[in-house]
Amino acid sequence: MNNAKVSYVTVNDSRLVAGGKLEIGSAVVGLNEFDFGEFGSIQRKVVVGWFGEERARYASAVRAREISSKEISIIVESDGPVVLDLGCEKLLLDEQRQARNFYKLFVEISLEVPLEAFGEVPDHIKPLLQYSEILHVTVSLSSGDVGTHIESSSKRPVYDGYGELGFFLADLDKMNEYVISRLGSGVINLKDAFCQTEIANELFSEGLLVLIWGMTPWHYYLYGLSGPEDAAYIPKLMNPQFQGTYRLRHDIQNPSVVPGEFLLNWPECLGKSFPKIHIGGEGELLKVEISVMGFYIPNVGVGPPLSVITASREENEPIINPLLMVDIEAVEPGLCFDVS
């Protein structure tokens, strides 16, 4: 994605970004002025978001580790593009930045870790967690007073690992009431019930369940959209490789995000706390799209995958076409930015 307001680049090595430069018209800012923590010398995958004078609509992912935030003054004396200079290659962030002399440049850096890493992780897996960590760098400008542009959003994406059983979105109490009315109370293996009865189709029809199943084991971002305009503020492809549609009742605006493993012992999940996403709007047609991108390796090409899921409402007649097979290894990952 690359427009005049917001753009993202994804790079496979945070050290290149931390040691790079930001060119904003005639102004050149060394990114070593900002604190990247240990990730200036230790490699991590990195997502850089350029917002210009727009306000970010999403904060860092749920339970992200905030590393630093800093605001500096810059002078832009002449027009020109906004470029991230990695030393070995330059990446375009914005086609044109008009000169306006004084700006405040604000950079915020956080480390995003999948939620599963906060649970019980086997000792032999812990050393591998670093490969799922992603550094998130947000860059914005302000031509007004200090601090006028750094107000943070309360909306956060969920970043977590999912596998064959995927995940589901639901108001758990409403879903449980319906399950009890059809299958009775007590512990139920809903995965088996979905395959052996019509309960899954009924939950879909009632707008009580959004199920994404058959996922390649990997780590995924999930964004809930308040409106269609939010899509421009998220790293995604113009043409996502996977799309599904569901019905989600209009009164379910803040569904829980639950790993599919909790279907095996329903309703055990009712006693646990799960992150929620906000899906605004009045329409009951829910569109779920999955963009399979990659982290760019300069002068080489697309590296490890980055998968971003969005969920948004439309005011059209609901169509049930669920995503029950999401094989990200079967598609060609793209980039959400242009490489010359």
C-alpha atoms as a PDB file:
ATOM      1  CA  MET A   1       0.000   0.000   0.000  1.00  0.00           C
ATOM      2  CA  ASN A   2       1.422   3.355  -0.954  1.00  0.00           C
ATOM      3  CA  ASN A   3      -0.630   6.548  -1.097  1.00  0.00           C
ATOM      4  CA  ALA A   4      -0.054  10.186  -0.288  1.00  0.00           C
ATOM      5  CA  LYS A   5      -1.053   9.792   3.334  1.00  0.00           C
ATOM      6  CA  VAL A   6      -0.103   6.429   4.841  1.00  0.00           C
ATOM      7  CA  SER A   7       2.313   3.731   3.746  1.00  0.00           C
ATOM      8  CA  TYR A   8       4.135   0.732   5.177  1.00  0.00           C
ATOM      9  CA  VAL A   9       7.375  -1.017   4.396  1.00  0.00           C
ATOM     10  CA  THR A  10       8.451  -4.369   5.801  1.00  0.00           C
ATOM     11  CA  VAL A  11      12.150  -5.181   6.205  1.00  0.00           C
ATOM     12  CA  ASN A  12      13.749  -8.423   7.345  1.00  0.00           C
ATOM     13  CA  ASP A  13      16.472  -6.789   9.477  1.00  0.00           C
ATOM     14  CA  SER A  14      15.821  -4.129  12.118  1.00  0.00           C
ATOM     15  CA  ARG A  15      19.525  -3.245  12.188  1.00  0.00           C
ATOM     16  CA  LEU A  16      19.257  -1.755   8.694  1.00  0.00           C
ATOM     17  CA  VAL A  17      16.407   0.487   9.815  1.00  0.00           C
ATOM     18  CA  ALA A  18      18.043   1.496  13.099  1.00  0.00           C
ATOM     19  CA  GLY A  19      21.207   2.486  11.266  1.00  0.00           C
ATOM     20  CA  GLY A  20      19.405   4.075   8.332  1.00  0.00           C
ATOM     21  CA  LYS A  21      18.208   7.570   7.475  1.00  0.00           C
ATOM     22  CA  LEU A  22      14.858   9.192   6.839  1.00  0.00           C
ATOM     23  CA  GLU A  23      14.792  11.714   3.990  1.00  0.00           C
ATOM     24  CA  ILE A  24      11.821  14.111   4.170  1.00  0.00           C
ATOM     25  CA  GLY A  25      12.174  16.520   1.287  1.00  0.00           C
ATOM     26  CA  SER A  26      15.443  18.323   1.929  1.00  0.00           C
ATOM     27  CA  ALA A  27      15.661  17.163   5.558  1.00  0.00           C
ATOM     28  CA  VAL A  28      17.785  14.109   6.417  1.00  0.00           C
ATOM     29  CA  VAL A  29      17.303  12.493   9.831  1.00  0.00           C
ATOM     30  CA  GLY A  30      19.557   9.732  11.114  1.00  0.00           C
ATOM     31  CA  LEU A  31      17.422   7.048  12.736  1.00  0.00           C
ATOM     32  CA  ASN A  32      20.200   6.466  15.243  1.00  0.00           C
ATOM     33  CA  GLU A  33      18.699   9.490  17.033  1.00  0.00           C
ATOM     34  CA  PHE A  34      15.925   7.149  18.192  1.00  0.00           C
ATOM     35  CA  ASP A  35      16.161   4.302  20.687  1.00  0.00           C
ATOM     36  CA  PHE A  36      15.697   0.904  19.052  1.00  0.00           C
ATOM     37  CA  GLY A  37      16.753  -0.891  22.238  1.00  0.00           C
ATOM     38  CA  GLU A  38      18.787  -4.013  21.621  1.00  0.00           C
ATOM     39  CA  PHE A  39      17.323  -4.320  18.133  1.00  0.00           C
ATOM     40  CA  GLY A  40      19.787  -1.827  16.735  1.00  0.00           C
ATOM     41  CA  SER A  41      22.371  -4.592  17.032  1.00  0.00           C
ATOM     42  CA  ILE A  42      20.194  -7.738  17.137  1.00  0.00           C
ATOM     43  CA  GLN A  43      18.198  -8.751  14.067  1.00  0.00           C
ATOM     44  CA  ARG A  44      14.407  -8.716  14.138  1.00  0.00           C
ATOM     45  CA  LYS A  45      11.831  -8.373  11.378  1.00  0.00           C
ATOM     46  CA  VAL A  46      10.447  -4.843  11.245  1.00  0.00           C
ATOM     47  CA  VAL A  47       7.321  -3.047  10.018  1.00  0.00           C
ATOM     48  CA  VAL A  48       7.729   0.697   9.414  1.00  0.00           C
ATOM     49  CA  GLY A  49       4.569   2.785   9.142  1.00  0.00           C
ATOM     50  CA  TRP A  50       4.687   6.298   7.669  1.00  0.00           C
ATOM     51  CA  PHE A  51       1.659   8.433   8.571  1.00  0.00           C
ATOM     52  CA  GLY A  52       2.712  11.887   7.474  1.00  0.00           C
ATOM     53  CA  GLU A  53       0.379  14.293   9.239  1.00  0.00           C
ATOM     54  CA  GLU A  54      -2.327  11.659   9.635  1.00  0.00           C
ATOM     55  CA  ARG A  55      -3.136  10.230  13.052  1.00  0.00           C
ATOM     56  CA  ALA A  56      -2.561   6.482  13.384  1.00  0.00           C
ATOM     57  CA  ARG A  57      -5.846   4.638  13.878  1.00  0.00           C
ATOM     58  CA  TYR A  58      -4.272   1.659  15.613  1.00  0.00           C
ATOM     59  CA  ALA A  59      -1.816   1.441  18.480  1.00  0.00           C
ATOM     60  CA  SER A  60       0.695  -1.396  18.740  1.00  0.00           C
ATOM     61  CA  ALA A  61      -0.561  -4.968  19.091  1.00  0.00           C
ATOM     62  CA  VAL A  62      -2.131  -6.281  22.293  1.00  0.00           C
ATOM     63  CA  ARG A  63       0.556  -6.763  24.985  1.00  0.00           C
ATOM     64  CA  ALA A  64       3.310  -5.245  22.840  1.00  0.00           C
ATOM     65  CA  ARG A  65       6.457  -4.092  24.605  1.00  0.00           C
ATOM     66  CA  GLU A  66       6.892  -0.339  24.234  1.00  0.00           C
ATOM     67  CA  ILE A  67      10.577   0.424  23.590  1.00  0.00           C
ATOM     68  CA  SER A  68      10.700   4.162  23.017  1.00  0.00           C
ATOM     69  CA  SER A  69       8.990   7.260  21.693  1.00  0.00           C
ATOM     70  CA  LYS A  70      10.663  10.541  20.818  1.00  0.00           C
ATOM     71  CA  GLU A  71       9.827  13.810  19.124  1.00  0.00           C
ATOM     72  CA  ILE A  72      12.370  16.057  17.434  1.00  0.00           C
ATOM     73  CA  SER A  73      12.210  19.284  15.423  1.00  0.00           C
ATOM     74  CA  ILE A  74      13.208  19.279  11.756  1.00  0.00           C
ATOM     75  CA  ILE A  75      13.368  21.901   9.000  1.00  0.00           C
ATOM     76  CA  VAL A  76      12.126  20.990   5.522  1.00  0.00           C
ATOM     77  CA  GLU A  77      13.349  23.780   3.247  1.00  0.00           C
ATOM     78  CA  SER A  78      12.461  22.271  -0.114  1.00  0.00           C
ATOM     79  CA  ASP A  79       9.953  19.787  -1.522  1.00  0.00           C
ATOM     80  CA  GLY A  80      10.801  16.186  -2.206  1.00  0.00           C
ATOM     81  CA  PRO A  81       9.781  12.575  -1.556  1.00  0.00           C
ATOM     82  CA  VAL A  82       9.935  10.784   1.781  1.00  0.00           C
ATOM     83  CA  VAL A  83      12.478   7.963   1.596  1.00  0.00           C
ATOM     84  CA  LEU A  84      13.762   5.344   4.011  1.00  0.00           C
ATOM     85  CA  ASP A  85      17.477   4.975   3.249  1.00  0.00           C
ATOM     86  CA  LEU A  86      18.764   1.597   4.466  1.00  0.00           C
ATOM     87  CA  GLY A  87      22.271   2.256   3.219  1.00  0.00           C
ATOM     88  CA  CYS A  88      22.159  -0.617   0.764  1.00  0.00           C
ATOM     89  CA  GLU A  89      18.837   0.458  -0.786  1.00  0.00           C
ATOM     90  CA  LYS A  90      16.264   3.254  -0.615  1.00  0.00           C
ATOM     91  CA  LEU A  91      12.534   2.604  -0.123  1.00  0.00           C
ATOM     92  CA  LEU A  92       9.879   5.186  -1.005  1.00  0.00           C
ATOM     93  CA  LEU A  93       7.417   6.099   1.741  1.00  0.00           C
ATOM     94  CA  ASP A  94       5.660   9.129   0.227  1.00  0.00           C
ATOM     95  CA  GLU A  95       5.761  10.582  -3.277  1.00  0.00           C
ATOM     96  CA  GLN A  96       5.984  14.199  -2.196  1.00  0.00           C
ATOM     97  CA  ARG A  97       6.352  16.211   0.976  1.00  0.00           C
ATOM     98  CA  GLN A  98       5.770  19.931   0.597  1.00  0.00           C
ATOM     99  CA  ALA A  99       8.199  22.245   2.303  1.00  0.00           C
ATOM    100  CA  ARG A 100       6.729  23.947   5.330  1.00  0.00           C
ATOM    101  CA  ASN A 101       9.892  24.817   7.233  1.00  0.00           C
ATOM    102  CA  PHE A 102       9.352  23.589  10.776  1.00  0.00           C
ATOM    103  CA  TYR A 103       7.912  20.172  11.596  1.00  0.00           C
ATOM    104  CA  LYS A 104       7.821  17.962  14.631  1.00  0.00           C
ATOM    105  CA  LEU A 105       8.875  14.400  13.766  1.00  0.00           C
ATOM    106  CA  PHE A 106       7.563  11.717  16.098  1.00  0.00           C
ATOM    107  CA  VAL A 107       8.889   8.140  16.097  1.00  0.00           C
ATOM    108  CA  GLU A 108       7.424   5.371  18.241  1.00  0.00           C
ATOM    109  CA  ILE A 109       9.029   1.924  18.505  1.00  0.00           C
ATOM    110  CA  SER A 110       7.560  -1.236  20.024  1.00  0.00           C
ATOM    111  CA  LEU A 111       8.192  -4.990  19.964  1.00  0.00           C
ATOM    112  CA  GLU A 112       5.191  -7.138  19.101  1.00  0.00           C
ATOM    113  CA  VAL A 113       5.148 -10.688  20.422  1.00  0.00           C
ATOM    114  CA  PRO A 114       2.455 -13.319  19.688  1.00  0.00           C
ATOM    115  CA  LEU A 115       0.074 -13.803  22.599  1.00  0.00           C
ATOM    116  CA  GLU A 116       0.837 -17.521  22.762  1.00  0.00           C
ATOM    117  CA  ALA A 117       4.324 -16.569  24.010  1.00  0.00           C
ATOM    118  CA  PHE A 118       2.737 -15.324  27.250  1.00  0.00           C
ATOM    119  CA  GLY A 119       1.259 -18.740  28.004  1.00  0.00           C
ATOM    120  CA  GLU A 120       2.895 -22.019  28.931  1.00  0.00           C
ATOM    121  CA  VAL A 121       5.678 -22.502  26.397  1.00  0.00           C
ATOM    122  CA  PRO A 122       7.828 -25.680  26.404  1.00  0.00           C
ATOM    123  CA  ASP A 123      11.472 -24.997  27.183  1.00  0.00           C
ATOM    124  CA  HIS A 124      12.647 -26.293  23.797  1.00  0.00           C
ATOM    125  CA  ILE A 125      10.346 -23.819  22.040  1.00  0.00           C
ATOM    126  CA  LYS A 126      11.326 -20.682  23.998  1.00  0.00           C
ATOM    127  CA  PRO A 127      14.566 -20.019  22.032  1.00  0.00           C
ATOM    128  CA  LEU A 128      12.507 -20.045  18.818  1.00  0.00           C
ATOM    129  CA  LEU A 129      10.128 -17.300  19.953  1.00  0.00           C
ATOM    130  CA  GLN A 130      12.495 -14.615  18.721  1.00  0.00           C
ATOM    131  CA  TYR A 131      11.639 -15.585  15.145  1.00  0.00           C
ATOM    132  CA  SER A 132       8.036 -14.522  15.710  1.00  0.00           C
ATOM    133  CA  GLU A 133       8.898 -11.142  17.266  1.00  0.00           C
ATOM    134  CA  ILE A 134       8.309  -8.094  15.075  1.00  0.00           C
ATOM    135  CA  LEU A 135       9.586  -4.585  15.649  1.00  0.00           C
ATOM    136  CA  HIS A 136       6.952  -1.964  14.841  1.00  0.00           C
ATOM    137  CA  VAL A 137       8.111   1.568  14.001  1.00  0.00           C
ATOM    138  CA  THR A 138       5.580   4.373  13.556  1.00  0.00           C
ATOM    139  CA  VAL A 139       6.666   7.700  12.025  1.00  0.00           C
ATOM    140  CA  SER A 140       4.492  10.819  11.870  1.00  0.00           C
ATOM    141  CA  LEU A 141       4.774  14.567  11.435  1.00  0.00           C
ATOM    142  CA  SER A 142       3.133  17.630  12.899  1.00  0.00           C
ATOM    143  CA  SER A 143       3.276  21.192  11.690  1.00  0.00           C
ATOM    144  CA  GLY A 144       1.485  22.402  14.838  1.00  0.00           C
ATOM    145  CA  ASP A 145       2.453  22.595  18.481  1.00  0.00           C
ATOM    146  CA  VAL A 146       4.430  19.863  20.204  1.00  0.00           C
ATOM    147  CA  GLY A 147       2.344  16.811  20.988  1.00  0.00           C
ATOM    148  CA  THR A 148      -0.660  17.694  18.822  1.00  0.00           C
ATOM    149  CA  HIS A 149      -0.191  14.591  16.662  1.00  0.00           C
ATOM    150  CA  ILE A 150       0.968  11.925  19.093  1.00  0.00           C
ATOM    151  CA  GLU A 151      -2.345  11.110  20.701  1.00  0.00           C
ATOM    152  CA  SER A 152      -2.483   7.313  20.629  1.00  0.00           C
ATOM    153  CA  SER A 153      -5.409   5.224  19.453  1.00  0.00           C
ATOM    154  CA  SER A 154      -7.170   2.797  21.780  1.00  0.00           C
ATOM    155  CA  LYS A 155      -7.658   0.227  18.998  1.00  0.00           C
ATOM    156  CA  ARG A 156      -5.086  -2.539  18.878  1.00  0.00           C
ATOM    157  CA  PRO A 157      -4.630  -5.497  16.555  1.00  0.00           C
ATOM    158  CA  VAL A 158      -4.272  -8.998  17.960  1.00  0.00           C
ATOM    159  CA  TYR A 159      -1.010 -10.757  17.073  1.00  0.00           C
ATOM    160  CA  ASP A 160      -1.011 -14.486  17.781  1.00  0.00           C
ATOM    161  CA  GLY A 161      -0.156 -17.928  16.468  1.00  0.00           C
ATOM    162  CA  TYR A 162      -2.806 -20.172  14.909  1.00  0.00           C
ATOM    163  CA  GLY A 163      -2.772 -23.621  13.337  1.00  0.00           C
ATOM    164  CA  GLU A 164      -5.118 -26.153  11.780  1.00  0.00           C
ATOM    165  CA  LEU A 165      -7.999 -25.231  14.115  1.00  0.00           C
ATOM    166  CA  GLY A 166      -7.509 -21.538  13.400  1.00  0.00           C
ATOM    167  CA  PHE A 167      -9.525 -19.136  15.545  1.00  0.00           C
ATOM    168  CA  PHE A 168     -13.044 -17.820  15.888  1.00  0.00           C
ATOM    169  CA  LEU A 169     -14.776 -14.530  16.684  1.00  0.00           C
ATOM    170  CA  ALA A 170     -17.844 -14.588  18.900  1.00  0.00           C
ATOM    171  CA  ASP A 171     -19.745 -13.073  21.770  1.00  0.00           C
ATOM    172  CA  LEU A 172     -19.095 -16.130  23.915  1.00  0.00           C
ATOM    173  CA  ASP A 173     -22.173 -15.799  26.126  1.00  0.00           C
ATOM    174  CA  LYS A 174     -24.525 -15.412  23.158  1.00  0.00           C
ATOM    175  CA  MET A 175     -22.884 -18.301  21.351  1.00  0.00           C
ATOM    176  CA  ASN A 176     -23.093 -20.520  24.432  1.00  0.00           C
ATOM    177  CA  GLU A 177     -26.808 -19.787  24.904  1.00  0.00           C
ATOM    178  CA  TYR A 178     -27.466 -21.020  21.387  1.00  0.00           C
ATOM    179  CA  VAL A 179     -25.248 -24.099  21.780  1.00  0.00           C
ATOM    180  CA  ILE A 180     -27.098 -25.061  24.982  1.00  0.00           C
ATOM    181  CA  SER A 181     -30.462 -24.625  23.246  1.00  0.00           C
ATOM    182  CA  ARG A 182     -29.425 -27.050  20.489  1.00  0.00           C
ATOM    183  CA  LEU A 183     -26.998 -29.495  22.130  1.00  0.00           C
ATOM    184  CA  GLY A 184     -27.678 -29.161  25.845  1.00  0.00           C
ATOM    185  CA  SER A 185     -25.326 -28.164  28.623  1.00  0.00           C
ATOM    186  CA  GLY A 186     -22.128 -29.925  29.657  1.00  0.00           C
ATOM    187  CA  VAL A 187     -18.731 -30.245  28.044  1.00  0.00           C
ATOM    188  CA  ILE A 188     -18.948 -30.655  24.263  1.00  0.00           C
ATOM    189  CA  ASN A 189     -16.368 -31.191  21.552  1.00  0.00           C
ATOM    190  CA  LEU A 190     -17.652 -28.555  19.144  1.00  0.00           C
ATOM    191  CA  LYS A 191     -15.079 -29.483  16.513  1.00  0.00           C
ATOM    192  CA  ASP A 192     -16.691 -32.903  16.219  1.00  0.00           C
ATOM    193  CA  ALA A 193     -20.168 -31.411  16.487  1.00  0.00           C
ATOM    194  CA  PHE A 194     -19.396 -29.053  13.606  1.00  0.00           C
ATOM    195  CA  CYS A 195     -18.520 -32.057  11.427  1.00  0.00           C
ATOM    196  CA  GLN A 196     -21.356 -34.335  12.571  1.00  0.00           C
ATOM    197  CA  THR A 197     -24.316 -31.953  12.973  1.00  0.00           C
ATOM    198  CA  GLU A 198     -25.678 -28.743  11.471  1.00  0.00           C
ATOM    199  CA  ILE A 199     -24.725 -26.640  14.502  1.00  0.00           C
ATOM    200  CA  ALA A 200     -21.924 -24.807  12.651  1.00  0.00           C
ATOM    201  CA  ASN A 201     -24.229 -23.803   9.790  1.00  0.00           C
ATOM    202  CA  GLU A 202     -26.851 -22.717  12.304  1.00  0.00           C
ATOM    203  CA  LEU A 203     -24.373 -20.549  14.199  1.00  0.00           C
ATOM    204  CA  PHE A 204     -23.226 -19.029  10.902  1.00  0.00           C
ATOM    205  CA  SER A 205     -26.825 -18.309   9.894  1.00  0.00           C
ATOM    206  CA  GLU A 206     -27.620 -16.752  13.275  1.00  0.00           C
ATOM    207  CA  GLY A 207     -24.614 -14.440  12.989  1.00  0.00           C
ATOM    208  CA  LEU A 208     -23.108 -15.856  16.177  1.00  0.00           C
ATOM    209  CA  LEU A 209     -19.879 -17.370  14.855  1.00  0.00           C
ATOM    210  CA  VAL A 210     -17.045 -16.275  12.573  1.00  0.00           C
ATOM    211  CA  LEU A 211     -14.755 -19.274  12.127  1.00  0.00           C
ATOM    212  CA  ILE A 212     -11.451 -19.229  10.229  1.00  0.00           C
ATOM    213  CA  TRP A 213     -10.173 -22.792   9.993  1.00  0.00           C
ATOM    214  CA  GLY A 214      -7.494 -24.878   8.285  1.00  0.00           C
ATOM    215  CA  MET A 215      -4.743 -22.309   8.756  1.00  0.00           C
ATOM    216  CA  THR A 216      -1.081 -22.879   8.024  1.00  0.00           C
ATOM    217  CA  PRO A 217       0.656 -22.868  11.425  1.00  0.00           C
ATOM    218  CA  TRP A 218       2.104 -19.365  11.616  1.00  0.00           C
ATOM    219  CA  HIS A 219       1.677 -15.998  13.304  1.00  0.00           C
ATOM    220  CA  TYR A 220      -1.034 -13.628  12.150  1.00  0.00           C
ATOM    221  CA  TYR A 221      -2.163 -10.064  12.804  1.00  0.00           C
ATOM    222  CA  LEU A 222      -5.904  -9.500  13.148  1.00  0.00           C
ATOM    223  CA  TYR A 223      -7.430  -6.028  12.733  1.00  0.00           C
ATOM    224  CA  GLY A 224     -11.060  -5.122  13.349  1.00  0.00           C
ATOM    225  CA  LEU A 225     -12.219  -2.168  11.241  1.00  0.00           C
ATOM    226  CA  SER A 226     -14.583   0.529  12.516  1.00  0.00           C
ATOM    227  CA  GLY A 227     -15.340   1.550   8.929  1.00  0.00           C
ATOM    228  CA  PRO A 228     -14.026   1.018   5.378  1.00  0.00           C
ATOM    229  CA  GLU A 229     -11.695   4.019   5.687  1.00  0.00           C
ATOM    230  CA  ASP A 230      -9.675   2.167   8.362  1.00  0.00           C
ATOM    231  CA  ALA A 231      -8.266  -0.152   5.683  1.00  0.00           C
ATOM    232  CA  ALA A 232      -5.898   2.611   4.519  1.00  0.00           C
ATOM    233  CA  TYR A 233      -4.178   2.589   7.935  1.00  0.00           C
ATOM    234  CA  ILE A 234      -3.267  -1.108   7.956  1.00  0.00           C
ATOM    235  CA  PRO A 235      -0.416  -2.962   6.225  1.00  0.00           C
ATOM    236  CA  LYS A 236      -2.245  -5.011   3.593  1.00  0.00           C
ATOM    237  CA  LEU A 237      -2.354  -5.845  -0.099  1.00  0.00           C
ATOM    238  CA  MET A 238      -4.689  -4.244  -2.618  1.00  0.00           C
ATOM    239  CA  ASN A 239      -5.789  -7.760  -3.606  1.00  0.00           C
ATOM    240  CA  PRO A 240      -5.635 -10.110  -0.590  1.00  0.00           C
ATOM    241  CA  GLN A 241      -5.113 -13.775  -1.466  1.00  0.00           C
ATOM    242  CA  PHE A 242      -7.901 -15.051   0.829  1.00  0.00           C
ATOM    243  CA  GLN A 243     -11.432 -13.710   1.281  1.00  0.00           C
ATOM    244  CA  GLY A 244     -14.413 -15.044   3.184  1.00  0.00           C
ATOM    245  CA  THR A 245     -17.829 -13.665   4.116  1.00  0.00           C
ATOM    246  CA  TYR A 246     -20.010 -14.263   7.158  1.00  0.00           C
ATOM    247  CA  ARG A 247     -22.991 -12.915   9.003  1.00  0.00           C
ATOM    248  CA  LEU A 248     -22.158 -11.131  12.269  1.00  0.00           C
ATOM    249  CA  ARG A 249     -25.066  -9.688  14.230  1.00  0.00           C
ATOM    250  CA  HIS A 250     -24.987  -5.891  14.354  1.00  0.00           C
ATOM    251  CA  ASP A 251     -25.189  -5.937  18.163  1.00  0.00           C
ATOM    252  CA  ILE A 252     -21.900  -7.881  18.355  1.00  0.00           C
ATOM    253  CA  GLN A 253     -19.420  -5.015  17.979  1.00  0.00           C
ATOM    254  CA  ASN A 254     -16.591  -6.297  20.200  1.00  0.00           C
ATOM    255  CA  PRO A 255     -16.225 -10.060  19.691  1.00  0.00           C
ATOM    256  CA  SER A 256     -13.644 -12.129  21.522  1.00  0.00           C
ATOM    257  CA  VAL A 257     -10.774 -13.626  19.529  1.00  0.00           C
ATOM    258  CA  VAL A 258     -10.444 -17.270  20.586  1.00  0.00           C
ATOM    259  CA  PRO A 259      -7.961 -19.929  19.358  1.00  0.00           C
ATOM    260  CA  GLY A 260      -9.759 -22.856  17.744  1.00  0.00           C
ATOM    261  CA  GLU A 261      -8.375 -25.335  20.295  1.00  0.00           C
ATOM    262  CA  PHE A 262     -11.022 -24.110  22.715  1.00  0.00           C
ATOM    263  CA  LEU A 263     -13.704 -25.701  20.534  1.00  0.00           C
ATOM    264  CA  LEU A 264     -12.514 -29.104  21.758  1.00  0.00           C
ATOM    265  CA  ASN A 265     -13.792 -28.576  25.305  1.00  0.00           C
ATOM    266  CA  TRP A 266     -16.700 -26.174  25.036  1.00  0.00           C
ATOM    267  CA  PRO A 267     -17.614 -24.140  27.132  1.00  0.00           C
ATOM    268  CA  GLU A 268     -14.258 -24.091  28.966  1.00  0.00           C
ATOM    269  CA  CYS A 269     -13.348 -20.822  27.241  1.00  0.00           C
ATOM    270  CA  LEU A 270     -16.148 -18.935  29.036  1.00  0.00           C
ATOM    271  CA  GLY A 271     -14.032 -18.901  32.174  1.00  0.00           C
ATOM    272  CA  LYS A 272     -11.031 -17.336  30.449  1.00  0.00           C
ATOM    273  CA  SER A 273     -10.140 -13.864  29.256  1.00  0.00           C
ATOM    274  CA  PHE A 274      -9.486 -13.297  25.552  1.00  0.00           C
ATOM    275  CA  PRO A 275      -8.574 -10.187  23.587  1.00  0.00           C
ATOM    276  CA  LYS A 276     -11.364  -8.443  21.710  1.00  0.00           C
ATOM    277  CA  ILE A 277     -11.424  -6.459  18.497  1.00  0.00           C
ATOM    278  CA  HIS A 278     -13.852  -3.700  17.577  1.00  0.00           C
ATOM    279  CA  ILE A 279     -15.814  -4.188  14.351  1.00  0.00           C
ATOM    280  CA  GLY A 280     -17.941  -1.076  13.894  1.00  0.00           C
ATOM    281  CA  GLY A 281     -20.865  -0.384  11.612  1.00  0.00           C
ATOM    282  CA  GLU A 282     -24.492  -1.487  11.291  1.00  0.00           C
ATOM    283  CA  GLY A 283     -24.286  -3.987   8.451  1.00  0.00           C
ATOM    284  CA  GLU A 284     -24.338  -7.715   9.201  1.00  0.00           C
ATOM    285  CA  LEU A 285     -22.250  -8.837   6.230  1.00  0.00           C
ATOM    286  CA  LEU A 286     -18.767  -9.432   7.591  1.00  0.00           C
ATOM    287  CA  LYS A 287     -15.878  -9.591   5.159  1.00  0.00           C
ATOM    288  CA  VAL A 288     -12.655 -11.287   6.284  1.00  0.00           C
ATOM    289  CA  GLU A 289      -9.579 -10.790   4.114  1.00  0.00           C
ATOM    290  CA  ILE A 290      -6.072 -12.200   4.550  1.00  0.00           C
ATOM    291  CA  SER A 291      -3.069 -10.534   2.932  1.00  0.00           C
ATOM    292  CA  VAL A 292       0.006 -12.734   2.720  1.00  0.00           C
ATOM    293  CA  MET A 293       2.972 -10.393   2.426  1.00  0.00           C
ATOM    294  CA  GLY A 294       6.649 -10.795   3.126  1.00  0.00           C
ATOM    295  CA  PHE A 295       9.526  -9.048   4.838  1.00  0.00           C
ATOM    296  CA  TYR A 296      11.793  -7.494   2.255  1.00  0.00           C
ATOM    297  CA  ILE A 297      15.453  -8.502   2.056  1.00  0.00           C
ATOM    298  CA  PRO A 298      17.184  -5.554   0.338  1.00  0.00           C
ATOM    299  CA  ASN A 299      18.585  -6.316  -3.101  1.00  0.00           C
ATOM    300  CA  VAL A 300      17.323  -9.899  -2.777  1.00  0.00           C
ATOM    301  CA  GLY A 301      13.515  -9.976  -2.647  1.00  0.00           C
ATOM    302  CA  VAL A 302      10.695 -11.213  -0.473  1.00  0.00           C
ATOM    303  CA  GLY A 303      11.673 -13.079   2.694  1.00  0.00           C
ATOM    304  CA  PRO A 304       9.623 -14.595   5.560  1.00  0.00           C
ATOM    305  CA  PRO A 305       5.842 -14.190   5.357  1.00  0.00           C
ATOM    306  CA  LEU A 306       3.771 -11.563   7.141  1.00  0.00           C
ATOM    307  CA  SER A 307       0.062 -12.399   7.242  1.00  0.00           C
ATOM    308  CA  VAL A 308      -2.510  -9.728   8.107  1.00  0.00           C
ATOM    309  CA  ILE A 309      -6.220 -10.455   8.613  1.00  0.00           C
ATOM    310  CA  THR A 310      -8.891  -7.743   8.476  1.00  0.00           C
ATOM    311  CA  ALA A 311     -12.538  -8.019   9.526  1.00  0.00           C
ATOM    312  CA  SER A 312     -14.990  -5.352   8.357  1.00  0.00           C
ATOM    313  CA  ARG A 313     -18.754  -4.904   7.991  1.00  0.00           C
ATOM    314  CA  GLU A 314     -20.728  -4.019   4.880  1.00  0.00           C
ATOM    315  CA  GLU A 315     -24.377  -3.002   4.644  1.00  0.00           C
ATOM    316  CA  ASN A 316     -25.308  -5.747   2.196  1.00  0.00           C
ATOM    317  CA  GLU A 317     -27.239  -8.980   2.502  1.00  0.00           C
ATOM    318  CA  PRO A 318     -25.072 -11.460   4.436  1.00  0.00           C
ATOM    319  CA  ILE A 319     -23.536 -14.245   2.381  1.00  0.00           C
ATOM    320  CA  ILE A 320     -22.054 -17.224   4.199  1.00  0.00           C
ATOM    321  CA  ASN A 321     -18.807 -18.231   2.515  1.00  0.00           C
ATOM    322  CA  PRO A 322     -16.450 -19.092   5.393  1.00  0.00           C
ATOM    323  CA  LEU A 323     -12.690 -19.429   5.206  1.00  0.00           C
ATOM    324  CA  LEU A 324     -12.105 -23.083   6.073  1.00  0.00           C
ATOM    325  CA  MET A 325      -8.754 -23.522   4.312  1.00  0.00           C
ATOM    326  CA  VAL A 326      -6.051 -20.871   4.621  1.00  0.00           C
ATOM    327  CA  ASP A 327      -2.866 -22.355   3.193  1.00  0.00           C
ATOM    328  CA  ILE A 328      -0.493 -19.392   3.118  1.00  0.00           C
ATOM    329  CA  GLU A 329       2.272 -21.614   1.746  1.00  0.00           C
ATOM    330  CA  ALA A 330       0.224 -22.186  -1.419  1.00  0.00           C
ATOM    331  CA  VAL A 331       0.218 -18.519  -2.454  1.00  0.00           C
ATOM    332  CA  GLU A 332       2.916 -16.119  -3.581  1.00  0.00           C
ATOM    333  CA  PRO A 333       3.591 -13.513  -0.879  1.00  0.00           C
ATOM    334  CA  GLY A 334       3.564  -9.898  -2.024  1.00  0.00           C
ATOM    335  CA  LEU A 335       4.886  -6.583  -0.771  1.00  0.00           C
ATOM    336  CA  CYS A 336       2.690  -3.746   0.476  1.00  0.00           C
ATOM    337  CA  PHE A 337       5.074  -1.227  -1.103  1.00  0.00           C
ATOM    338  CA  ASP A 338       6.869  -0.692  -4.390  1.00  0.00           C
ATOM    339  CA  VAL A 339      10.514  -1.603  -4.951  1.00  0.00           C
ATOM    340  CA  SER A 340      12.240   0.168  -7.823  1.00  0.00           C
END
